[in-house]
N, C-alpha and C. Protein backbone atom coordinates (compact mmCIF):
# COMPACT_ATOMS: atom_id res chain seq x y z
N MET A 1 44.94 17.22 -12.51
CA MET A 1 45.40 16.44 -12.88
C MET A 1 44.40 15.40 -11.58
N LYS A 2 44.76 15.26 -11.03
CA LYS A 2 44.95 14.26 -9.56
C LYS A 2 43.56 14.84 -8.69
N ALA A 3 42.64 15.01 -8.96
CA ALA A 3 41.22 15.68 -8.75
C ALA A 3 40.66 14.53 -9.86
N ARG A 4 41.25 15.16 -11.60
CA ARG A 4 40.19 14.63 -12.74
C ARG A 4 39.99 12.76 -11.85
N LYS A 5 41.06 12.29 -11.92
CA LYS A 5 41.53 11.25 -11.61
C LYS A 5 40.56 10.75 -10.69
N ILE A 6 40.95 10.74 -9.46
CA ILE A 6 39.73 10.72 -8.54
C ILE A 6 38.46 10.44 -8.65
N ILE A 7 38.14 11.35 -9.01
CA ILE A 7 37.19 11.63 -10.07
C ILE A 7 36.80 10.06 -10.43
N SER A 8 37.08 9.76 -11.48
CA SER A 8 36.99 9.19 -12.81
C SER A 8 36.57 7.74 -11.91
N ILE A 9 38.08 7.37 -10.73
CA ILE A 9 37.86 6.49 -9.89
C ILE A 9 36.70 6.14 -9.39
N LEU A 10 36.12 7.39 -8.60
CA LEU A 10 35.36 7.45 -7.19
C LEU A 10 33.83 6.82 -8.73
N LEU A 11 33.61 7.84 -9.68
CA LEU A 11 32.88 7.27 -10.41
C LEU A 11 32.32 5.57 -10.43
N LEU A 12 33.71 5.07 -11.16
CA LEU A 12 33.99 4.00 -11.83
C LEU A 12 33.33 2.57 -10.46
N ILE A 13 33.55 3.45 -8.89
CA ILE A 13 32.93 2.96 -7.70
C ILE A 13 31.51 3.61 -7.93
N ILE A 14 31.16 4.23 -8.17
CA ILE A 14 29.10 4.60 -7.45
C ILE A 14 28.04 4.00 -8.31
N LEU A 15 28.75 4.37 -10.08
CA LEU A 15 27.52 4.11 -10.58
C LEU A 15 27.60 2.53 -11.19
N PRO A 16 28.32 1.68 -10.43
CA PRO A 16 27.67 0.06 -11.38
C PRO A 16 26.75 -0.23 -9.53
N LEU A 17 27.51 0.34 -8.61
CA LEU A 17 26.78 0.29 -7.36
C LEU A 17 25.13 1.03 -7.36
N LEU A 18 25.03 2.13 -7.78
CA LEU A 18 23.64 2.31 -7.96
C LEU A 18 22.88 2.24 -8.70
N LEU A 19 23.65 1.19 -9.81
CA LEU A 19 22.29 0.07 -11.52
C LEU A 19 22.71 -1.14 -10.54
N ILE A 20 23.11 -1.36 -9.54
CA ILE A 20 22.64 -2.76 -8.62
C ILE A 20 22.12 -2.67 -8.06
N VAL A 21 22.37 -1.99 -5.96
CA VAL A 21 21.07 -1.66 -5.48
C VAL A 21 19.95 -0.89 -6.21
N GLY A 22 20.27 0.19 -7.36
CA GLY A 22 19.59 1.01 -7.72
C GLY A 22 18.60 2.24 -6.53
N THR A 23 18.11 2.36 -7.66
CA THR A 23 17.60 3.90 -7.24
C THR A 23 16.22 4.27 -5.73
N PRO A 24 15.94 3.94 -5.12
CA PRO A 24 14.77 3.85 -3.82
C PRO A 24 13.79 4.53 -4.65
N GLU A 25 12.47 4.25 -4.65
CA GLU A 25 10.93 4.71 -4.53
C GLU A 25 10.96 5.60 -4.27
N PRO A 26 10.48 7.09 -4.68
CA PRO A 26 10.31 8.42 -3.49
C PRO A 26 8.60 7.62 -3.50
N ALA A 27 8.53 8.58 -2.14
CA ALA A 27 7.64 7.98 -0.39
C ALA A 27 7.04 9.42 -0.51
N ILE A 28 6.72 9.97 -0.89
CA ILE A 28 5.88 11.00 -1.66
C ILE A 28 5.02 10.66 -1.28
N ALA A 29 3.82 11.11 -0.28
CA ALA A 29 2.58 11.16 -0.28
C ALA A 29 2.15 11.63 0.85
N ALA A 30 0.73 12.23 0.67
CA ALA A 30 0.06 13.46 1.88
C ALA A 30 -1.56 12.26 1.70
N ILE A 31 -2.14 13.26 2.86
CA ILE A 31 -3.37 12.73 3.32
C ILE A 31 -3.94 13.22 2.29
N ARG A 32 -5.12 13.43 2.03
CA ARG A 32 -6.10 14.27 1.38
C ARG A 32 -7.43 13.88 1.94
N GLU A 33 -7.91 15.43 1.28
CA GLU A 33 -9.40 15.64 2.23
C GLU A 33 -9.39 16.05 1.51
N GLN A 34 -11.20 15.59 0.85
CA GLN A 34 -12.17 15.98 0.40
C GLN A 34 -13.37 15.96 0.18
N GLN A 35 -14.27 17.26 0.52
CA GLN A 35 -15.67 17.22 0.87
C GLN A 35 -16.60 16.65 -0.20
N GLU A 36 -16.94 15.31 -0.07
CA GLU A 36 -18.14 14.88 -1.06
C GLU A 36 -19.11 15.66 -1.39
N ALA A 37 -19.66 16.37 0.02
CA ALA A 37 -20.85 16.62 -0.81
C ALA A 37 -21.20 17.39 1.35
N PRO A 38 -21.96 17.83 1.46
CA PRO A 38 -22.14 18.59 2.47
C PRO A 38 -22.45 17.58 3.94
N GLY A 39 -21.80 18.05 5.04
CA GLY A 39 -21.33 16.39 5.82
C GLY A 39 -21.11 15.79 5.31
N GLN A 40 -20.30 15.44 4.33
CA GLN A 40 -19.27 14.18 4.04
C GLN A 40 -18.13 13.95 3.55
N MET A 41 -16.87 14.08 4.26
CA MET A 41 -15.58 14.10 3.56
C MET A 41 -15.37 12.78 3.57
N LEU A 42 -14.38 12.84 3.14
CA LEU A 42 -13.76 12.19 2.41
C LEU A 42 -11.74 11.55 2.28
N TYR A 43 -10.93 11.04 3.11
CA TYR A 43 -9.39 11.45 3.54
C TYR A 43 -9.37 10.40 2.40
N GLN A 44 -7.43 10.20 2.76
CA GLN A 44 -7.52 9.08 2.06
C GLN A 44 -5.52 9.27 1.85
N SER A 45 -4.24 7.57 1.39
CA SER A 45 -3.70 8.13 1.74
C SER A 45 -2.92 7.48 0.15
N ARG A 46 -2.38 7.15 -1.06
CA ARG A 46 -2.15 7.01 -2.23
C ARG A 46 -0.64 6.63 -2.23
N HIS A 47 -0.30 5.29 -1.85
CA HIS A 47 0.63 5.07 -2.28
C HIS A 47 1.26 3.95 -3.19
N THR A 48 2.23 3.41 -4.59
CA THR A 48 1.74 2.39 -5.42
C THR A 48 3.62 2.27 -4.84
N LEU A 49 3.51 0.62 -4.45
CA LEU A 49 4.27 0.30 -4.49
C LEU A 49 4.30 -0.90 -5.31
N ARG A 50 5.32 -1.47 -5.08
CA ARG A 50 5.78 -2.81 -6.56
C ARG A 50 5.43 -4.55 -5.24
N ASP A 51 5.26 -5.56 -5.75
CA ASP A 51 4.83 -6.71 -5.28
C ASP A 51 5.41 -7.11 -5.41
N ASN A 52 5.94 -8.87 -4.77
CA ASN A 52 7.24 -9.51 -5.01
C ASN A 52 7.22 -9.99 -5.80
N THR A 53 6.61 -10.03 -7.20
CA THR A 53 6.32 -10.17 -8.86
C THR A 53 8.12 -9.35 -9.49
N GLY A 54 7.30 -7.67 -8.81
CA GLY A 54 8.15 -7.11 -9.44
C GLY A 54 6.69 -5.32 -10.56
N SER A 55 4.73 -5.97 -9.91
CA SER A 55 4.71 -6.07 -10.50
C SER A 55 4.25 -4.29 -9.52
N SER A 56 3.78 -3.33 -10.37
CA SER A 56 3.20 -2.11 -9.49
C SER A 56 1.68 -1.96 -9.29
N TRP A 57 1.27 -1.54 -7.15
CA TRP A 57 0.50 -1.30 -7.11
C TRP A 57 -0.30 -0.45 -6.58
N GLN A 58 -1.26 -0.08 -6.79
CA GLN A 58 -1.77 1.06 -6.34
C GLN A 58 -2.64 1.34 -4.80
N LEU A 59 -2.22 1.33 -3.67
CA LEU A 59 -2.66 1.46 -2.30
C LEU A 59 -3.56 2.40 -2.38
N ILE A 60 -4.85 2.38 -1.94
CA ILE A 60 -5.44 3.83 -1.57
C ILE A 60 -6.41 3.04 -0.19
N LEU A 61 -5.69 4.42 1.13
CA LEU A 61 -6.54 3.59 1.98
C LEU A 61 -7.50 5.27 2.62
N PHE A 62 -8.34 4.48 2.56
CA PHE A 62 -9.21 5.42 2.45
C PHE A 62 -10.49 5.87 3.69
N LYS A 63 -10.82 6.26 4.01
CA LYS A 63 -12.07 6.88 5.27
C LYS A 63 -13.09 7.74 5.34
N ARG A 64 -14.65 7.22 5.21
CA ARG A 64 -14.82 7.88 4.43
C ARG A 64 -16.23 8.64 5.89
N ILE A 65 -16.39 10.34 5.97
CA ILE A 65 -16.66 9.92 6.95
C ILE A 65 -18.39 10.66 6.83
N LYS A 66 -19.25 10.34 6.98
CA LYS A 66 -21.19 11.11 6.51
C LYS A 66 -21.16 11.70 8.28
N ASN A 67 -21.67 13.16 8.39
CA ASN A 67 -22.39 13.51 9.22
C ASN A 67 -21.80 13.02 10.39
N GLY A 68 -21.04 13.00 11.11
CA GLY A 68 -20.15 13.14 11.68
C GLY A 68 -19.65 11.58 12.27
N GLU A 69 -19.64 10.05 11.02
CA GLU A 69 -19.92 9.18 11.63
C GLU A 69 -18.88 8.63 10.89
N VAL A 70 -17.95 7.78 11.08
CA VAL A 70 -16.56 6.59 9.67
C VAL A 70 -17.77 5.83 10.17
N GLU A 71 -17.75 5.72 8.34
CA GLU A 71 -18.21 4.39 7.93
C GLU A 71 -17.25 3.18 7.81
N ASN A 72 -16.54 3.43 7.66
CA ASN A 72 -15.27 2.21 7.25
C ASN A 72 -14.27 2.50 6.90
N VAL A 73 -13.41 2.16 7.16
CA VAL A 73 -11.22 2.35 7.11
C VAL A 73 -11.24 1.22 5.84
N ASN A 74 -11.53 1.25 4.32
CA ASN A 74 -10.96 0.45 3.46
C ASN A 74 -9.65 1.09 2.72
N LEU A 75 -9.21 -0.45 2.49
CA LEU A 75 -7.83 -0.17 1.53
C LEU A 75 -8.23 -0.85 0.21
N ARG A 76 -8.29 -0.35 -1.19
CA ARG A 76 -8.21 -0.32 -2.25
C ARG A 76 -6.53 -0.94 -2.81
N LEU A 77 -7.02 -2.07 -3.56
CA LEU A 77 -5.35 -2.54 -4.66
C LEU A 77 -5.59 -2.51 -5.59
N VAL A 78 -5.77 -1.31 -6.02
CA VAL A 78 -5.57 -1.46 -7.21
C VAL A 78 -4.55 -2.60 -8.66
N GLY A 79 -4.29 -2.62 -8.96
CA GLY A 79 -3.16 -4.01 -10.00
C GLY A 79 -3.67 -3.00 -11.55
N PHE A 80 -2.11 -3.00 -12.36
CA PHE A 80 -2.42 -2.54 -13.39
C PHE A 80 -2.73 -3.10 -14.59
N PRO A 81 -3.73 -3.03 -15.26
CA PRO A 81 -4.69 -3.48 -15.41
C PRO A 81 -4.14 -4.74 -16.89
N ASP A 82 -4.82 -5.97 -17.12
CA ASP A 82 -4.03 -7.52 -17.73
C ASP A 82 -3.02 -8.10 -17.16
N ALA A 83 -2.62 -7.39 -16.00
CA ALA A 83 -0.84 -8.31 -15.31
C ALA A 83 -0.73 -8.66 -14.05
N ALA A 84 -2.28 -8.14 -12.91
CA ALA A 84 -3.19 -8.89 -12.35
C ALA A 84 -4.93 -8.28 -11.33
N GLU A 85 -4.88 -10.23 -11.29
CA GLU A 85 -6.74 -10.35 -11.77
C GLU A 85 -6.47 -11.06 -10.09
N VAL A 86 -7.38 -9.49 -9.09
CA VAL A 86 -7.56 -10.27 -8.14
C VAL A 86 -8.44 -11.58 -7.73
N ALA A 87 -8.20 -12.45 -7.27
CA ALA A 87 -9.65 -13.39 -6.88
C ALA A 87 -10.30 -12.86 -5.93
N HIS A 88 -11.72 -13.12 -6.20
CA HIS A 88 -12.76 -12.88 -4.91
C HIS A 88 -13.39 -14.27 -4.90
N PRO A 89 -13.96 -14.15 -3.74
CA PRO A 89 -13.93 -13.63 -2.47
C PRO A 89 -12.78 -13.88 -1.87
N GLN A 90 -11.92 -13.71 -1.90
CA GLN A 90 -10.81 -14.52 -0.32
C GLN A 90 -10.29 -13.07 0.17
N PRO A 91 -9.80 -12.77 1.25
CA PRO A 91 -9.26 -11.45 2.26
C PRO A 91 -7.59 -11.46 1.44
N LEU A 92 -7.71 -10.29 2.64
CA LEU A 92 -6.30 -9.52 2.37
C LEU A 92 -5.84 -10.04 3.67
N LYS A 93 -4.80 -11.23 3.16
CA LYS A 93 -3.26 -11.21 5.07
C LYS A 93 -2.81 -10.12 4.66
N ILE A 94 -2.11 -10.06 6.17
CA ILE A 94 -1.94 -8.86 6.57
C ILE A 94 -1.00 -9.28 7.81
N THR A 95 0.69 -9.61 7.29
CA THR A 95 0.99 -10.37 7.89
C THR A 95 1.93 -8.94 8.83
N THR A 96 2.90 -8.74 10.36
CA THR A 96 2.99 -7.96 10.68
C THR A 96 4.50 -8.33 10.39
N SER A 97 5.77 -8.08 10.98
CA SER A 97 6.48 -7.96 10.92
C SER A 97 7.29 -8.51 11.80
N ARG A 98 6.25 -8.66 12.89
CA ARG A 98 6.54 -10.33 13.82
C ARG A 98 5.48 -11.16 13.78
N GLY A 99 4.91 -11.10 13.06
CA GLY A 99 4.09 -11.93 12.53
C GLY A 99 3.18 -12.62 13.26
N THR A 100 2.53 -12.08 12.88
CA THR A 100 1.14 -11.30 13.38
C THR A 100 0.50 -10.84 12.75
N VAL A 101 -0.50 -12.19 12.10
CA VAL A 101 -1.28 -12.09 11.45
C VAL A 101 -2.87 -11.99 10.92
N PHE A 102 -3.64 -10.87 9.90
CA PHE A 102 -4.69 -10.20 10.09
C PHE A 102 -5.19 -10.80 8.88
N GLU A 103 -6.74 -10.72 8.88
CA GLU A 103 -7.47 -10.97 8.03
C GLU A 103 -8.37 -9.98 7.08
N GLY A 104 -8.43 -8.98 6.35
CA GLY A 104 -9.40 -8.08 5.89
C GLY A 104 -9.99 -8.40 5.24
N ILE A 105 -12.02 -7.88 5.64
CA ILE A 105 -12.47 -8.57 4.95
C ILE A 105 -12.73 -7.86 3.64
N ASP A 106 -13.37 -8.84 1.87
CA ASP A 106 -13.50 -8.08 1.08
C ASP A 106 -14.33 -7.92 0.77
N GLU A 107 -14.57 -6.75 0.36
CA GLU A 107 -15.96 -5.33 0.55
C GLU A 107 -16.35 -6.07 -0.95
N PHE A 108 -15.33 -6.42 -1.83
CA PHE A 108 -15.49 -6.85 -3.64
C PHE A 108 -16.25 -8.23 -4.18
N ALA A 109 -16.53 -8.76 -2.26
CA ALA A 109 -16.47 -10.44 -3.32
C ALA A 109 -17.90 -10.58 -3.73
N GLU A 110 -19.05 -9.84 -3.61
CA GLU A 110 -19.66 -9.24 -4.74
C GLU A 110 -20.08 -9.24 -6.35
N LYS A 111 -19.36 -8.46 -6.35
CA LYS A 111 -19.03 -7.33 -7.74
C LYS A 111 -17.81 -6.66 -7.60
N ALA A 112 -16.50 -7.55 -8.37
CA ALA A 112 -16.10 -6.04 -8.44
C ALA A 112 -15.75 -4.60 -9.21
N PRO A 113 -15.52 -3.74 -9.53
CA PRO A 113 -15.13 -2.77 -9.98
C PRO A 113 -14.78 -2.74 -11.52
N ALA A 114 -13.09 -3.91 -12.03
CA ALA A 114 -13.01 -4.17 -12.80
C ALA A 114 -12.21 -6.07 -11.31
N PRO A 115 -11.31 -6.45 -12.49
CA PRO A 115 -11.18 -7.52 -12.51
C PRO A 115 -9.48 -7.73 -11.70
N ASN A 116 -9.18 -5.67 -11.74
CA ASN A 116 -7.34 -6.23 -11.25
C ASN A 116 -8.37 -5.29 -10.27
N VAL A 117 -9.22 -5.39 -9.66
CA VAL A 117 -9.40 -3.96 -8.40
C VAL A 117 -9.73 -4.99 -6.82
N GLY A 118 -9.34 -4.51 -5.98
CA GLY A 118 -9.48 -5.80 -4.83
C GLY A 118 -9.64 -4.53 -3.18
N GLN A 119 -10.63 -4.32 -2.12
CA GLN A 119 -11.20 -3.76 -1.62
C GLN A 119 -11.00 -4.34 -0.18
N TYR A 120 -10.63 -3.30 0.60
CA TYR A 120 -10.81 -4.62 2.14
C TYR A 120 -11.04 -4.09 3.08
N ASN A 121 -11.74 -4.35 4.05
CA ASN A 121 -12.45 -3.38 5.31
C ASN A 121 -11.32 -4.27 6.05
N LEU A 122 -10.76 -2.02 6.65
CA LEU A 122 -9.75 -2.62 7.56
C LEU A 122 -9.74 -1.97 9.10
N THR A 123 -10.96 -1.58 9.03
CA THR A 123 -11.98 -0.76 10.28
C THR A 123 -10.93 -1.42 11.89
N GLU A 124 -11.78 -2.36 11.60
CA GLU A 124 -10.65 -3.28 13.44
C GLU A 124 -9.46 -3.64 13.29
N ILE A 125 -9.14 -3.92 12.06
CA ILE A 125 -7.48 -3.75 12.17
C ILE A 125 -6.40 -3.00 12.22
N LEU A 126 -6.51 -1.69 11.86
CA LEU A 126 -6.01 -0.58 12.20
C LEU A 126 -5.49 0.02 12.82
N PRO A 127 -6.58 -0.33 13.95
CA PRO A 127 -6.30 0.73 15.58
C PRO A 127 -4.75 -1.00 16.47
N GLN A 128 -5.58 -2.29 15.98
CA GLN A 128 -4.40 -2.87 15.76
C GLN A 128 -2.62 -3.52 16.05
N LEU A 129 -2.65 -2.34 14.98
CA LEU A 129 -1.57 -2.35 14.49
C LEU A 129 -0.16 -1.66 15.04
N SER A 130 1.04 -2.30 15.18
CA SER A 130 1.84 -1.23 15.57
C SER A 130 2.82 -0.03 14.17
N LYS A 131 3.14 0.92 15.35
CA LYS A 131 3.44 2.10 14.83
C LYS A 131 5.43 2.10 14.31
N THR A 132 6.12 0.63 14.57
CA THR A 132 6.76 0.86 14.70
C THR A 132 7.37 -0.58 14.04
N GLU A 133 5.92 -0.96 12.93
CA GLU A 133 6.42 -2.53 12.35
C GLU A 133 5.46 -2.39 10.77
N GLY A 134 6.59 -2.51 9.50
CA GLY A 134 6.17 -2.35 8.72
C GLY A 134 5.29 -3.99 8.53
N LEU A 135 4.70 -4.26 7.28
CA LEU A 135 3.54 -5.14 6.55
C LEU A 135 3.96 -6.00 5.36
N GLU A 136 3.69 -7.41 5.48
CA GLU A 136 3.20 -7.75 4.23
C GLU A 136 2.24 -8.52 4.05
N LEU A 137 1.65 -7.23 2.87
CA LEU A 137 0.14 -7.52 2.26
C LEU A 137 -0.07 -9.15 1.71
N ASN A 138 -0.71 -9.85 0.91
CA ASN A 138 -1.24 -10.68 0.87
C ASN A 138 -1.99 -10.70 0.09
N VAL A 139 -2.18 -10.24 -1.31
CA VAL A 139 -3.68 -10.60 -2.35
C VAL A 139 -3.08 -12.27 -2.41
N ALA A 140 -5.03 -12.16 -3.02
CA ALA A 140 -5.15 -13.76 -4.03
C ALA A 140 -5.19 -13.29 -5.40
N ILE A 141 -4.63 -13.77 -5.98
CA ILE A 141 -5.07 -12.81 -7.21
C ILE A 141 -4.92 -14.53 -8.30
N ALA A 142 -5.90 -14.26 -9.37
CA ALA A 142 -6.40 -15.27 -10.29
C ALA A 142 -5.61 -16.55 -10.27
N GLY A 143 -5.84 -17.91 -10.40
CA GLY A 143 -4.39 -19.05 -10.63
C GLY A 143 -3.79 -19.91 -8.69
N ASP A 144 -5.10 -19.80 -8.25
CA ASP A 144 -4.64 -19.71 -7.23
C ASP A 144 -4.00 -19.28 -6.78
N LYS A 145 -3.17 -17.93 -6.70
CA LYS A 145 -2.28 -17.48 -6.38
C LYS A 145 -2.00 -17.04 -5.42
N ASN A 146 -0.68 -16.00 -5.25
CA ASN A 146 -0.93 -14.90 -4.13
C ASN A 146 0.58 -14.01 -4.49
N CYS A 147 0.57 -12.67 -4.66
CA CYS A 147 1.13 -12.06 -5.05
C CYS A 147 1.82 -11.71 -3.16
N ALA A 148 2.57 -10.66 -3.39
CA ALA A 148 3.30 -10.18 -1.56
C ALA A 148 3.86 -8.45 -1.70
N ILE A 149 2.80 -7.84 -0.77
CA ILE A 149 3.23 -6.35 -1.23
C ILE A 149 3.83 -6.10 0.53
N ALA A 150 5.46 -5.42 0.49
CA ALA A 150 5.41 -5.35 1.40
C ALA A 150 4.99 -3.15 1.92
N VAL A 151 4.40 -2.82 3.02
CA VAL A 151 4.24 -1.97 3.24
C VAL A 151 5.51 -1.51 4.12
N PRO A 152 6.11 -0.08 4.45
CA PRO A 152 6.78 0.24 4.96
C PRO A 152 6.24 0.59 6.08
N ILE A 153 7.29 1.32 6.97
CA ILE A 153 6.36 1.41 8.40
C ILE A 153 5.77 3.52 8.00
N PRO A 154 6.50 3.77 7.25
CA PRO A 154 6.33 5.22 8.01
C PRO A 154 3.94 5.04 6.50
N VAL A 155 4.39 4.58 5.47
CA VAL A 155 2.97 4.39 5.17
C VAL A 155 1.92 3.84 5.86
N VAL A 156 2.36 2.45 7.28
CA VAL A 156 1.67 2.17 8.25
C VAL A 156 0.62 3.39 9.33
N LEU A 157 2.14 4.07 9.26
CA LEU A 157 2.03 5.60 10.13
C LEU A 157 0.73 6.55 9.75
N GLU A 158 1.39 7.07 8.26
CA GLU A 158 -0.34 7.58 7.94
C GLU A 158 -1.53 6.92 7.50
N TRP A 159 -1.65 5.74 6.96
CA TRP A 159 -2.33 5.25 8.02
C TRP A 159 -3.61 4.77 8.98
N LYS A 160 -2.64 4.75 9.91
CA LYS A 160 -3.24 4.59 11.32
C LYS A 160 -3.21 6.64 11.71
N GLU A 161 -3.27 6.82 11.07
CA GLU A 161 -3.67 9.32 11.72
C GLU A 161 -4.84 9.08 10.67
N ILE A 162 -5.05 8.42 9.75
CA ILE A 162 -6.18 8.85 8.91
C ILE A 162 -7.60 7.98 8.94
N ALA A 163 -7.05 6.47 9.95
CA ALA A 163 -8.27 5.60 11.02
C ALA A 163 -7.78 7.03 12.23
N GLY A 164 -6.96 7.42 13.03
CA GLY A 164 -7.65 8.47 14.42
C GLY A 164 -7.28 7.64 15.00
N ASN A 165 -6.09 6.30 15.02
CA ASN A 165 -5.20 6.15 16.64
C ASN A 165 -3.40 5.59 16.21
N VAL A 166 -3.28 7.16 16.10
CA VAL A 166 -1.48 7.08 15.46
C VAL A 166 -0.91 7.60 17.37
């Protein structure tokens, strides 16, 4: 009887805390390798993260190697259709937790495959990022607005591994 009372009290304390705090989203990801053609490999990392408004974004960092040469390291951002429209041609602003700001070049400045898709060249930026800092991505969206996506350190480490500078 006493154990039942203790369990009831714990549930009354723990359940409301879980509802208030929420449960963390799983950060399960792996670097994917894919041979696209003879002599051409694609390496990518995929994560789904939420922006400061609660909207989900798919973040796909990828590197294509063709005949032993790295073409570029790009970050593709895909918002939920009809929820976000990426403003082109605007750079992606990348801010480290220490306040350093970088700008990723808009690869879809001329024509995007869909309004909710942006792609940015991070080839020169990734080697400069720290392995101990998270990032905030500021994406220009339609209506002269911005949204911010927090990128945790484990994701940054995965990106640096793909870029080859861990």
